[in-house]
N, C-alpha and C. Protein backbone atom coordinates (compact mmCIF):
# COMPACT_ATOMS: atom_id res chain seq x y z
N MET A 1 -50.64 -78.59 -12.33
CA MET A 1 -52.10 -78.88 -11.63
C MET A 1 -51.99 -79.77 -10.42
N VAL A 2 -52.52 -79.29 -9.41
CA VAL A 2 -52.43 -80.27 -7.99
C VAL A 2 -53.34 -81.39 -8.19
N ARG A 3 -53.21 -82.49 -8.37
CA ARG A 3 -54.55 -83.54 -7.79
C ARG A 3 -54.31 -84.00 -6.91
N THR A 4 -55.89 -84.04 -6.17
CA THR A 4 -56.35 -84.15 -4.64
C THR A 4 -57.40 -85.33 -4.52
N VAL A 5 -56.97 -85.95 -3.53
CA VAL A 5 -58.18 -87.15 -3.39
C VAL A 5 -58.74 -87.10 -1.81
N GLY A 6 -60.03 -86.73 -2.12
CA GLY A 6 -60.85 -87.32 -0.91
C GLY A 6 -60.76 -86.22 0.06
N ALA A 7 -60.94 -86.46 1.32
CA ALA A 7 -61.08 -84.92 2.73
C ALA A 7 -59.50 -83.97 2.39
N SER A 8 -58.68 -85.39 2.55
CA SER A 8 -57.28 -84.20 2.58
C SER A 8 -57.69 -83.08 1.08
N GLY A 9 -57.77 -83.36 0.04
CA GLY A 9 -58.03 -82.69 -1.13
C GLY A 9 -59.08 -81.09 -0.82
N ALA A 10 -60.26 -81.81 -0.14
CA ALA A 10 -61.22 -80.75 0.08
C ALA A 10 -60.21 -79.61 1.06
N ARG A 11 -59.83 -80.03 2.60
CA ARG A 11 -58.85 -79.38 3.27
C ARG A 11 -58.07 -78.63 2.22
N LEU A 12 -57.16 -79.12 1.69
CA LEU A 12 -56.08 -78.50 0.54
C LEU A 12 -56.96 -77.01 -0.12
N HIS A 13 -58.22 -77.73 0.05
CA HIS A 13 -58.88 -76.39 -1.37
C HIS A 13 -59.35 -75.70 -0.56
N THR A 14 -59.69 -75.78 0.84
CA THR A 14 -60.33 -74.82 2.03
C THR A 14 -59.05 -73.53 2.70
N LEU A 15 -58.14 -74.47 2.19
CA LEU A 15 -56.55 -74.21 2.69
C LEU A 15 -56.39 -72.89 1.87
N LEU A 16 -55.95 -73.46 0.65
CA LEU A 16 -55.91 -72.40 -0.46
C LEU A 16 -56.74 -71.53 -0.97
N ALA A 17 -57.86 -71.23 -0.25
CA ALA A 17 -58.95 -70.58 -0.78
C ALA A 17 -59.40 -69.42 0.83
N MET A 18 -58.59 -69.57 1.75
CA MET A 18 -58.80 -68.75 2.81
C MET A 18 -58.05 -67.74 2.69
N GLU A 19 -58.75 -66.27 2.86
CA GLU A 19 -58.44 -64.99 3.08
C GLU A 19 -57.25 -64.44 4.02
N PHE A 20 -56.22 -63.69 3.51
CA PHE A 20 -54.65 -64.05 4.52
C PHE A 20 -54.92 -63.65 5.87
N ARG A 21 -55.85 -62.95 6.55
CA ARG A 21 -56.49 -62.70 8.11
C ARG A 21 -56.63 -64.52 8.34
N ARG A 22 -57.67 -64.61 7.63
CA ARG A 22 -58.32 -65.97 8.32
C ARG A 22 -56.65 -67.06 8.55
N PHE A 23 -56.26 -67.51 7.65
CA PHE A 23 -54.75 -67.73 7.44
C PHE A 23 -54.27 -67.53 8.79
N LEU A 24 -53.83 -66.24 9.00
CA LEU A 24 -53.06 -66.04 9.75
C LEU A 24 -53.83 -66.01 11.34
N ASN A 25 -54.65 -66.32 11.65
CA ASN A 25 -55.25 -66.57 12.91
C ASN A 25 -55.53 -67.97 12.88
N ALA A 26 -55.78 -68.65 12.08
CA ALA A 26 -55.73 -70.20 12.17
C ALA A 26 -54.45 -70.94 12.13
N LEU A 27 -53.17 -70.37 11.65
CA LEU A 27 -51.63 -71.04 11.09
C LEU A 27 -50.69 -70.60 11.96
N VAL A 28 -51.07 -69.31 11.72
CA VAL A 28 -49.78 -68.52 11.80
C VAL A 28 -49.86 -67.98 13.66
N ARG A 29 -51.12 -67.60 14.24
CA ARG A 29 -51.10 -66.96 15.74
C ARG A 29 -51.98 -68.50 16.25
N ILE A 30 -51.50 -68.92 16.81
CA ILE A 30 -51.10 -70.26 17.52
C ILE A 30 -50.81 -69.97 18.95
N PHE A 31 -51.29 -69.98 20.03
CA PHE A 31 -51.30 -70.43 21.13
C PHE A 31 -50.11 -70.81 21.84
N CYS A 32 -48.73 -70.78 22.06
CA CYS A 32 -47.61 -72.12 22.70
C CYS A 32 -46.83 -71.63 23.40
N GLN A 33 -46.56 -72.18 24.20
CA GLN A 33 -45.25 -71.78 25.61
C GLN A 33 -44.06 -72.41 24.73
N ILE A 34 -42.73 -71.90 24.64
CA ILE A 34 -41.58 -71.98 24.21
C ILE A 34 -40.38 -71.83 25.58
N ILE A 35 -40.23 -73.33 25.63
CA ILE A 35 -39.04 -73.87 26.53
C ILE A 35 -37.44 -74.25 25.89
N LYS A 36 -37.12 -73.90 26.43
CA LYS A 36 -35.21 -73.36 26.12
C LYS A 36 -34.81 -74.37 26.90
N THR A 37 -34.74 -75.60 26.62
CA THR A 37 -33.77 -76.86 27.55
C THR A 37 -32.66 -77.49 26.69
N GLY A 38 -31.39 -77.08 27.38
CA GLY A 38 -30.25 -77.40 26.40
C GLY A 38 -30.05 -77.15 25.42
N ARG A 39 -29.91 -77.91 24.44
CA ARG A 39 -29.59 -77.48 22.92
C ARG A 39 -30.84 -77.62 22.18
N ARG A 40 -32.16 -77.67 22.50
CA ARG A 40 -33.52 -78.15 21.88
C ARG A 40 -34.11 -77.39 22.58
N LEU A 41 -35.14 -76.98 21.85
CA LEU A 41 -36.49 -75.77 21.94
C LEU A 41 -37.96 -76.57 21.79
N ILE A 42 -38.50 -76.50 22.81
CA ILE A 42 -39.59 -76.99 22.84
C ILE A 42 -40.76 -76.41 23.23
N TYR A 43 -41.86 -76.52 21.37
CA TYR A 43 -42.69 -75.99 21.28
C TYR A 43 -44.10 -76.57 21.96
N ARG A 44 -45.05 -75.82 22.95
CA ARG A 44 -45.77 -76.35 23.75
C ARG A 44 -47.25 -75.83 23.36
N VAL A 45 -47.95 -76.36 22.73
CA VAL A 45 -49.17 -75.76 22.09
C VAL A 45 -50.19 -75.91 23.40
N LEU A 46 -50.55 -74.51 23.50
CA LEU A 46 -51.56 -74.20 24.52
C LEU A 46 -53.03 -74.09 24.11
N GLY A 47 -53.42 -73.83 22.56
CA GLY A 47 -54.51 -73.79 22.23
C GLY A 47 -54.73 -74.38 21.03
N TYR A 48 -55.47 -74.90 20.55
CA TYR A 48 -56.20 -76.19 19.69
C TYR A 48 -56.86 -75.68 18.70
N ASN A 49 -57.04 -75.39 17.63
CA ASN A 49 -58.05 -75.35 16.40
C ASN A 49 -58.06 -77.01 15.44
N GLN A 50 -58.82 -76.64 14.61
CA GLN A 50 -59.10 -77.44 13.78
C GLN A 50 -58.23 -77.70 12.76
N TRP A 51 -57.08 -76.59 12.85
CA TRP A 51 -55.84 -76.94 11.32
C TRP A 51 -54.71 -77.41 11.82
N LEU A 52 -54.43 -76.83 13.35
CA LEU A 52 -52.89 -78.26 13.44
C LEU A 52 -52.14 -79.10 13.25
N PRO A 53 -54.09 -80.28 12.77
CA PRO A 53 -52.87 -81.19 12.31
C PRO A 53 -52.38 -81.16 11.24
N THR A 54 -52.85 -80.47 10.08
CA THR A 54 -52.52 -80.31 8.74
C THR A 54 -51.26 -79.19 9.00
N LEU A 55 -51.06 -78.22 10.14
CA LEU A 55 -49.73 -77.94 10.30
C LEU A 55 -48.57 -78.26 10.92
N PHE A 56 -48.78 -79.88 11.51
CA PHE A 56 -48.30 -80.61 12.50
C PHE A 56 -47.63 -81.53 10.99
N ASP A 57 -48.55 -82.23 9.71
CA ASP A 57 -48.30 -82.66 8.81
C ASP A 57 -47.25 -82.19 7.96
N THR A 58 -47.20 -80.38 7.84
CA THR A 58 -46.68 -79.70 6.94
C THR A 58 -44.84 -79.56 7.70
N VAL A 59 -45.25 -79.77 9.01
CA VAL A 59 -43.85 -79.10 9.77
C VAL A 59 -42.83 -80.99 9.62
N ASP A 60 -43.48 -81.78 9.19
CA ASP A 60 -43.09 -83.05 9.06
C ASP A 60 -42.45 -83.10 8.01
N ALA A 61 -43.23 -82.87 6.82
CA ALA A 61 -42.77 -83.02 5.02
C ALA A 61 -41.85 -81.84 5.21
N ILE A 62 -41.91 -81.04 5.81
CA ILE A 62 -40.47 -80.24 5.71
C ILE A 62 -39.36 -80.79 5.93
N ARG A 63 -39.87 -81.50 7.22
CA ARG A 63 -38.04 -82.13 8.16
C ARG A 63 -37.88 -83.12 7.21
N ARG A 64 -38.73 -83.47 6.67
CA ARG A 64 -38.11 -84.80 5.97
C ARG A 64 -37.53 -84.41 4.81
N LEU A 65 -37.37 -82.88 3.99
CA LEU A 65 -36.96 -82.62 2.84
C LEU A 65 -35.93 -82.55 2.78
N ARG A 66 -35.14 -81.80 4.20
CA ARG A 66 -33.76 -81.27 3.95
C ARG A 66 -32.92 -82.41 4.70
N PRO A 67 -31.57 -81.93 4.62
CA PRO A 67 -31.17 -83.16 4.92
C PRO A 67 -30.89 -83.01 6.88
N ALA A 68 -30.01 -84.40 7.54
CA ALA A 68 -30.74 -84.19 8.68
C ALA A 68 -29.11 -83.44 9.26
């Protein structure tokens, strides 16, 4: 069982209780511009919604898990 505290716990519960179509629209279908410069890919987010901070926190956590 996952223990959560405060606002982040409520946010996690809301995220896990989402219907799949709502999850797609909130976290997967984000308007962004992809720019390839040299050996880097830059994702420029063009649309904002309330779930972007959660998405960015998740991406940071995944990057910390894998070795550089």
